[in-house]
Amino acid sequence: MFLKQTEFTCNKQSIMLSELTALQRVEYFDHLVRQTELTEQNENTEQNLKRTALYVRMNIESNAFLVSRSLLNLSSDGGTAKELQDCVLNTWPPGALELAAKEVLILSDMQLGTTEDDSTEQNNVPEPAEK
């Protein structure tokens, strides 16, 4: 395969992540559409707690989707994508899941990565000279 890979470390534990395949990217966007449709069905709910819980759940499930598909590309055990996603949901803490999902998005060219050089260059914009 030609997929980019990176090592992800959290709490002194390391795992290899890979970028998503073209099909997995399409499936991810389909997943987001389904999640959005669920949100729209619940928009009439006036209780902020329910809405917040729904958004947190959507975020966690979307991150697990990304991470599990990435891990599936490196797995040789023959498990299904759904089984791996369930495993990720049951074993990963939300913070690690969020960080790993960001890595997968960057690897897959689906999100711009920022580096220290990028942020310092933006902060060091020269001011125009006065006449």
N, C-alpha and C. Protein backbone atom coordinates (compact mmCIF):
# COMPACT_ATOMS: atom_id res chain seq x y z
N MET A 1 0.84 -1.19 0.00
CA MET A 1 0.00 0.00 0.00
C MET A 1 0.88 1.24 0.00
N PHE A 2 0.29 2.32 -0.44
CA PHE A 2 1.00 3.58 -0.53
C PHE A 2 0.56 4.56 0.54
N LEU A 3 -0.05 4.09 1.58
CA LEU A 3 -0.61 4.97 2.60
C LEU A 3 0.49 5.49 3.53
N LYS A 4 0.41 6.79 3.84
CA LYS A 4 1.35 7.38 4.79
C LYS A 4 1.04 6.83 6.18
N GLN A 5 2.08 6.76 7.01
CA GLN A 5 1.93 6.26 8.37
C GLN A 5 2.66 7.18 9.33
N THR A 6 2.21 7.17 10.58
CA THR A 6 2.89 7.90 11.63
C THR A 6 2.71 7.16 12.94
N GLU A 7 3.64 7.36 13.84
CA GLU A 7 3.52 6.76 15.17
C GLU A 7 2.81 7.76 16.08
N PHE A 8 1.78 7.31 16.76
CA PHE A 8 1.00 8.13 17.68
C PHE A 8 1.30 7.65 19.09
N THR A 9 1.69 8.59 19.97
CA THR A 9 2.02 8.24 21.35
C THR A 9 1.14 9.04 22.30
N CYS A 10 0.56 8.34 23.26
CA CYS A 10 -0.27 8.98 24.29
C CYS A 10 -0.10 8.18 25.57
N ASN A 11 0.17 8.85 26.66
CA ASN A 11 0.37 8.19 27.96
C ASN A 11 1.40 7.07 27.87
N LYS A 12 2.49 7.36 27.19
CA LYS A 12 3.62 6.44 27.05
C LYS A 12 3.28 5.17 26.28
N GLN A 13 2.16 5.15 25.60
CA GLN A 13 1.76 4.03 24.74
C GLN A 13 1.84 4.51 23.30
N SER A 14 2.40 3.68 22.42
CA SER A 14 2.53 4.06 21.02
C SER A 14 1.78 3.08 20.13
N ILE A 15 1.27 3.62 19.02
CA ILE A 15 0.56 2.81 18.03
C ILE A 15 0.79 3.47 16.68
N MET A 16 0.80 2.68 15.63
CA MET A 16 0.95 3.21 14.28
C MET A 16 -0.42 3.57 13.72
N LEU A 17 -0.51 4.73 13.08
CA LEU A 17 -1.71 5.17 12.39
C LEU A 17 -1.38 5.33 10.91
N SER A 18 -2.37 5.13 10.06
CA SER A 18 -2.16 5.36 8.63
C SER A 18 -3.21 6.33 8.12
N GLU A 19 -2.92 6.91 6.96
CA GLU A 19 -3.92 7.76 6.35
C GLU A 19 -5.09 6.90 5.88
N LEU A 20 -6.21 7.52 5.61
CA LEU A 20 -7.39 6.81 5.15
C LEU A 20 -7.29 6.53 3.65
N THR A 21 -7.88 5.43 3.24
CA THR A 21 -7.98 5.15 1.81
C THR A 21 -9.06 6.05 1.22
N ALA A 22 -9.13 6.10 -0.10
CA ALA A 22 -10.16 6.91 -0.75
C ALA A 22 -11.56 6.46 -0.33
N LEU A 23 -11.79 5.15 -0.29
CA LEU A 23 -13.09 4.63 0.12
C LEU A 23 -13.41 5.01 1.56
N GLN A 24 -12.42 4.92 2.45
CA GLN A 24 -12.66 5.27 3.84
C GLN A 24 -12.99 6.75 4.00
N ARG A 25 -12.43 7.59 3.17
CA ARG A 25 -12.77 9.02 3.22
C ARG A 25 -14.23 9.22 2.83
N VAL A 26 -14.66 8.54 1.77
CA VAL A 26 -16.06 8.63 1.35
C VAL A 26 -16.97 8.13 2.47
N GLU A 27 -16.61 7.00 3.07
CA GLU A 27 -17.41 6.45 4.17
C GLU A 27 -17.45 7.41 5.35
N TYR A 28 -16.34 8.11 5.61
CA TYR A 28 -16.30 9.07 6.70
C TYR A 28 -17.28 10.22 6.44
N PHE A 29 -17.31 10.72 5.22
CA PHE A 29 -18.24 11.81 4.90
C PHE A 29 -19.69 11.32 4.97
N ASP A 30 -19.94 10.08 4.54
CA ASP A 30 -21.28 9.50 4.70
C ASP A 30 -21.66 9.41 6.18
N HIS A 31 -20.70 9.02 7.00
CA HIS A 31 -20.91 8.94 8.45
C HIS A 31 -21.28 10.32 9.00
N LEU A 32 -20.57 11.36 8.57
CA LEU A 32 -20.87 12.72 9.04
C LEU A 32 -22.27 13.16 8.62
N VAL A 33 -22.67 12.80 7.40
CA VAL A 33 -24.01 13.14 6.93
C VAL A 33 -25.06 12.46 7.81
N ARG A 34 -24.87 11.17 8.11
CA ARG A 34 -25.82 10.45 8.98
C ARG A 34 -25.88 11.11 10.36
N GLN A 35 -24.73 11.50 10.90
CA GLN A 35 -24.70 12.15 12.21
C GLN A 35 -25.45 13.48 12.16
N THR A 36 -25.27 14.23 11.09
CA THR A 36 -25.95 15.51 10.93
C THR A 36 -27.46 15.32 10.85
N GLU A 37 -27.88 14.28 10.14
CA GLU A 37 -29.32 14.00 10.05
C GLU A 37 -29.90 13.69 11.42
N LEU A 38 -29.16 12.97 12.25
CA LEU A 38 -29.62 12.69 13.61
C LEU A 38 -29.74 13.98 14.41
N THR A 39 -28.80 14.88 14.22
CA THR A 39 -28.84 16.16 14.92
C THR A 39 -30.05 16.96 14.51
N GLU A 40 -30.31 16.99 13.20
CA GLU A 40 -31.45 17.76 12.70
C GLU A 40 -32.76 17.22 13.24
N GLN A 41 -32.85 15.92 13.44
CA GLN A 41 -34.06 15.33 14.00
C GLN A 41 -34.27 15.78 15.44
N ASN A 42 -33.19 16.08 16.13
CA ASN A 42 -33.27 16.46 17.54
C ASN A 42 -33.19 17.97 17.76
N GLU A 43 -33.20 18.77 16.69
CA GLU A 43 -33.09 20.22 16.83
C GLU A 43 -34.28 20.82 17.58
N ASN A 44 -35.42 20.16 17.56
CA ASN A 44 -36.59 20.69 18.25
C ASN A 44 -36.47 20.55 19.76
N THR A 45 -35.50 19.80 20.21
CA THR A 45 -35.29 19.62 21.64
C THR A 45 -34.78 20.92 22.24
N GLU A 46 -35.42 21.39 23.28
CA GLU A 46 -35.03 22.65 23.88
C GLU A 46 -34.10 22.45 25.06
N GLN A 47 -33.80 21.25 25.38
CA GLN A 47 -32.95 21.00 26.54
C GLN A 47 -31.49 21.01 26.10
N ASN A 48 -30.74 21.97 26.65
CA ASN A 48 -29.33 22.11 26.29
C ASN A 48 -28.51 20.88 26.63
N LEU A 49 -28.85 20.21 27.70
CA LEU A 49 -28.09 19.03 28.11
C LEU A 49 -28.16 17.94 27.06
N LYS A 50 -29.35 17.70 26.52
CA LYS A 50 -29.50 16.68 25.49
C LYS A 50 -28.70 17.05 24.24
N ARG A 51 -28.77 18.31 23.86
CA ARG A 51 -28.06 18.77 22.66
C ARG A 51 -26.55 18.63 22.87
N THR A 52 -26.06 19.03 24.03
CA THR A 52 -24.63 18.92 24.32
C THR A 52 -24.20 17.47 24.31
N ALA A 53 -24.98 16.60 24.94
CA ALA A 53 -24.65 15.18 24.96
C ALA A 53 -24.60 14.60 23.55
N LEU A 54 -25.52 15.03 22.71
CA LEU A 54 -25.55 14.55 21.33
C LEU A 54 -24.30 14.98 20.57
N TYR A 55 -23.88 16.23 20.74
CA TYR A 55 -22.68 16.72 20.05
C TYR A 55 -21.42 16.02 20.56
N VAL A 56 -21.34 15.78 21.85
CA VAL A 56 -20.19 15.06 22.39
C VAL A 56 -20.15 13.65 21.84
N ARG A 57 -21.30 13.00 21.80
CA ARG A 57 -21.37 11.64 21.25
C ARG A 57 -20.96 11.63 19.78
N MET A 58 -21.47 12.59 19.01
CA MET A 58 -21.12 12.67 17.59
C MET A 58 -19.61 12.83 17.41
N ASN A 59 -19.02 13.67 18.22
CA ASN A 59 -17.59 13.93 18.14
C ASN A 59 -16.79 12.65 18.45
N ILE A 60 -17.15 11.98 19.53
CA ILE A 60 -16.45 10.75 19.92
C ILE A 60 -16.62 9.67 18.86
N GLU A 61 -17.84 9.49 18.37
CA GLU A 61 -18.08 8.46 17.36
C GLU A 61 -17.36 8.76 16.05
N SER A 62 -17.32 10.03 15.66
CA SER A 62 -16.61 10.40 14.44
C SER A 62 -15.11 10.19 14.59
N ASN A 63 -14.57 10.53 15.75
CA ASN A 63 -13.15 10.29 16.00
C ASN A 63 -12.83 8.80 16.00
N ALA A 64 -13.71 8.00 16.61
CA ALA A 64 -13.51 6.54 16.63
C ALA A 64 -13.58 5.98 15.22
N PHE A 65 -14.47 6.53 14.40
CA PHE A 65 -14.58 6.09 13.00
C PHE A 65 -13.24 6.30 12.30
N LEU A 66 -12.68 7.51 12.42
CA LEU A 66 -11.41 7.82 11.77
C LEU A 66 -10.28 6.93 12.26
N VAL A 67 -10.14 6.82 13.57
CA VAL A 67 -9.02 6.06 14.14
C VAL A 67 -9.15 4.58 13.79
N SER A 68 -10.35 4.03 13.88
CA SER A 68 -10.51 2.60 13.59
C SER A 68 -10.21 2.29 12.14
N ARG A 69 -10.60 3.18 11.22
CA ARG A 69 -10.30 2.94 9.80
C ARG A 69 -8.80 3.02 9.55
N SER A 70 -8.15 3.93 10.23
CA SER A 70 -6.70 4.05 10.10
C SER A 70 -6.01 2.79 10.61
N LEU A 71 -6.44 2.31 11.77
CA LEU A 71 -5.85 1.10 12.34
C LEU A 71 -6.16 -0.13 11.49
N LEU A 72 -7.33 -0.14 10.87
CA LEU A 72 -7.72 -1.26 10.02
C LEU A 72 -6.74 -1.43 8.86
N ASN A 73 -6.22 -0.32 8.35
CA ASN A 73 -5.26 -0.38 7.24
C ASN A 73 -3.96 -1.07 7.63
N LEU A 74 -3.65 -1.10 8.92
CA LEU A 74 -2.41 -1.70 9.40
C LEU A 74 -2.64 -3.04 10.09
N SER A 75 -3.89 -3.45 10.18
CA SER A 75 -4.25 -4.67 10.91
C SER A 75 -4.19 -5.89 9.99
N SER A 76 -3.78 -6.99 10.58
CA SER A 76 -3.75 -8.24 9.81
C SER A 76 -4.60 -9.32 10.47
N ASP A 77 -5.40 -8.94 11.47
CA ASP A 77 -6.18 -9.95 12.19
C ASP A 77 -7.50 -10.31 11.52
N GLY A 78 -7.89 -9.59 10.47
CA GLY A 78 -9.10 -9.94 9.73
C GLY A 78 -10.40 -9.48 10.34
N GLY A 79 -10.35 -8.64 11.39
CA GLY A 79 -11.57 -8.12 11.98
C GLY A 79 -12.24 -7.11 11.07
N THR A 80 -13.51 -6.86 11.32
CA THR A 80 -14.26 -5.91 10.50
C THR A 80 -14.02 -4.49 11.00
N ALA A 81 -14.37 -3.52 10.16
CA ALA A 81 -14.24 -2.12 10.53
C ALA A 81 -15.12 -1.81 11.75
N LYS A 82 -16.31 -2.35 11.77
CA LYS A 82 -17.24 -2.11 12.89
C LYS A 82 -16.69 -2.70 14.19
N GLU A 83 -16.12 -3.91 14.12
CA GLU A 83 -15.54 -4.52 15.32
C GLU A 83 -14.39 -3.68 15.87
N LEU A 84 -13.55 -3.19 14.96
CA LEU A 84 -12.43 -2.37 15.39
C LEU A 84 -12.91 -1.03 15.95
N GLN A 85 -13.94 -0.45 15.33
CA GLN A 85 -14.50 0.80 15.85
C GLN A 85 -15.06 0.59 17.25
N ASP A 86 -15.77 -0.50 17.46
CA ASP A 86 -16.31 -0.80 18.80
C ASP A 86 -15.18 -0.98 19.81
N CYS A 87 -14.11 -1.64 19.39
CA CYS A 87 -12.95 -1.84 20.27
C CYS A 87 -12.33 -0.50 20.64
N VAL A 88 -12.17 0.38 19.66
CA VAL A 88 -11.61 1.71 19.92
C VAL A 88 -12.51 2.48 20.89
N LEU A 89 -13.80 2.44 20.67
CA LEU A 89 -14.74 3.13 21.56
C LEU A 89 -14.67 2.60 22.99
N ASN A 90 -14.43 1.31 23.13
CA ASN A 90 -14.40 0.68 24.45
C ASN A 90 -13.07 0.80 25.17
N THR A 91 -12.00 1.13 24.45
CA THR A 91 -10.68 1.09 25.09
C THR A 91 -9.91 2.41 25.07
N TRP A 92 -10.27 3.33 24.21
CA TRP A 92 -9.53 4.58 24.11
C TRP A 92 -10.19 5.68 24.93
N PRO A 93 -9.40 6.50 25.64
CA PRO A 93 -9.98 7.67 26.30
C PRO A 93 -10.29 8.76 25.26
N PRO A 94 -11.29 9.59 25.52
CA PRO A 94 -11.68 10.60 24.53
C PRO A 94 -10.55 11.54 24.11
N GLY A 95 -9.69 11.92 25.04
CA GLY A 95 -8.59 12.83 24.71
C GLY A 95 -7.63 12.22 23.71
N ALA A 96 -7.25 10.98 23.93
CA ALA A 96 -6.35 10.28 23.01
C ALA A 96 -7.02 10.08 21.66
N LEU A 97 -8.30 9.78 21.70
CA LEU A 97 -9.07 9.57 20.47
C LEU A 97 -9.08 10.85 19.62
N GLU A 98 -9.27 11.98 20.28
CA GLU A 98 -9.29 13.26 19.56
C GLU A 98 -7.93 13.56 18.94
N LEU A 99 -6.86 13.35 19.70
CA LEU A 99 -5.51 13.61 19.17
C LEU A 99 -5.18 12.69 18.00
N ALA A 100 -5.53 11.41 18.14
CA ALA A 100 -5.25 10.44 17.07
C ALA A 100 -6.08 10.76 15.82
N ALA A 101 -7.33 11.16 16.01
CA ALA A 101 -8.18 11.50 14.86
C ALA A 101 -7.59 12.69 14.10
N LYS A 102 -7.06 13.67 14.83
CA LYS A 102 -6.43 14.81 14.17
C LYS A 102 -5.22 14.36 13.35
N GLU A 103 -4.44 13.42 13.90
CA GLU A 103 -3.29 12.88 13.17
C GLU A 103 -3.73 12.19 11.88
N VAL A 104 -4.81 11.42 11.97
CA VAL A 104 -5.33 10.72 10.79
C VAL A 104 -5.79 11.73 9.74
N LEU A 105 -6.48 12.78 10.16
CA LEU A 105 -6.92 13.81 9.22
C LEU A 105 -5.74 14.49 8.55
N ILE A 106 -4.70 14.76 9.31
CA ILE A 106 -3.50 15.39 8.74
C ILE A 106 -2.82 14.43 7.77
N LEU A 107 -2.65 13.17 8.18
CA LEU A 107 -2.05 12.16 7.30
C LEU A 107 -2.82 12.02 6.00
N SER A 108 -4.13 12.14 6.09
CA SER A 108 -5.01 11.93 4.94
C SER A 108 -5.24 13.20 4.13
N ASP A 109 -4.50 14.26 4.46
CA ASP A 109 -4.65 15.55 3.78
C ASP A 109 -6.09 16.05 3.83
N MET A 110 -6.74 15.83 4.96
CA MET A 110 -8.11 16.28 5.14
C MET A 110 -8.18 17.44 6.14
N GLN A 111 -7.03 17.81 6.70
CA GLN A 111 -6.95 18.93 7.63
C GLN A 111 -5.54 19.47 7.55
N LEU A 112 -5.43 20.78 7.58
CA LEU A 112 -4.10 21.37 7.53
C LEU A 112 -3.42 21.21 8.87
N GLY A 113 -2.19 20.78 8.86
CA GLY A 113 -1.40 20.69 10.08
C GLY A 113 -0.71 22.02 10.31
N THR A 114 -0.50 22.38 11.56
CA THR A 114 0.24 23.59 11.86
C THR A 114 1.53 23.21 12.53
N THR A 115 2.57 23.90 12.18
CA THR A 115 3.86 23.66 12.80
C THR A 115 4.27 24.91 13.54
N GLU A 116 5.31 24.81 14.34
CA GLU A 116 5.79 25.98 15.06
C GLU A 116 6.23 27.05 14.09
N ASP A 117 6.88 26.64 13.01
CA ASP A 117 7.35 27.60 12.02
C ASP A 117 6.19 28.37 11.40
N ASP A 118 5.09 27.67 11.11
CA ASP A 118 3.92 28.33 10.53
C ASP A 118 3.37 29.40 11.47
N SER A 119 3.24 29.05 12.75
CA SER A 119 2.64 29.99 13.69
C SER A 119 3.56 31.17 13.95
N THR A 120 4.88 30.95 13.99
CA THR A 120 5.78 32.08 14.23
C THR A 120 5.87 32.97 13.02
N GLU A 121 5.78 32.39 11.82
CA GLU A 121 5.80 33.21 10.62
C GLU A 121 4.59 34.13 10.57
N GLN A 122 3.43 33.62 10.99
CA GLN A 122 2.23 34.44 10.97
C GLN A 122 2.33 35.58 11.98
N ASN A 123 3.00 35.33 13.11
CA ASN A 123 3.13 36.35 14.14
C ASN A 123 4.19 37.39 13.80
N ASN A 124 5.10 37.08 12.89
CA ASN A 124 6.19 37.98 12.55
C ASN A 124 5.95 38.69 11.22
N VAL A 125 4.74 39.09 10.97
CA VAL A 125 4.42 39.81 9.75
C VAL A 125 4.99 41.22 9.89
N PRO A 126 5.82 41.65 8.93
CA PRO A 126 6.41 42.99 9.06
C PRO A 126 5.35 44.08 8.92
N GLU A 127 5.52 45.11 9.70
CA GLU A 127 4.59 46.23 9.64
C GLU A 127 5.03 47.17 8.52
N PRO A 128 4.07 47.85 7.89
CA PRO A 128 4.43 48.77 6.81
C PRO A 128 5.30 49.91 7.33
N ALA A 129 6.25 50.31 6.51
CA ALA A 129 7.14 51.42 6.89
C ALA A 129 6.38 52.74 6.79
N GLU A 130 6.63 53.61 7.74
CA GLU A 130 5.98 54.92 7.71
C GLU A 130 6.75 55.84 6.79
N LYS A 131 6.04 56.77 6.14
CA LYS A 131 6.68 57.73 5.24
C LYS A 131 7.06 58.98 5.95
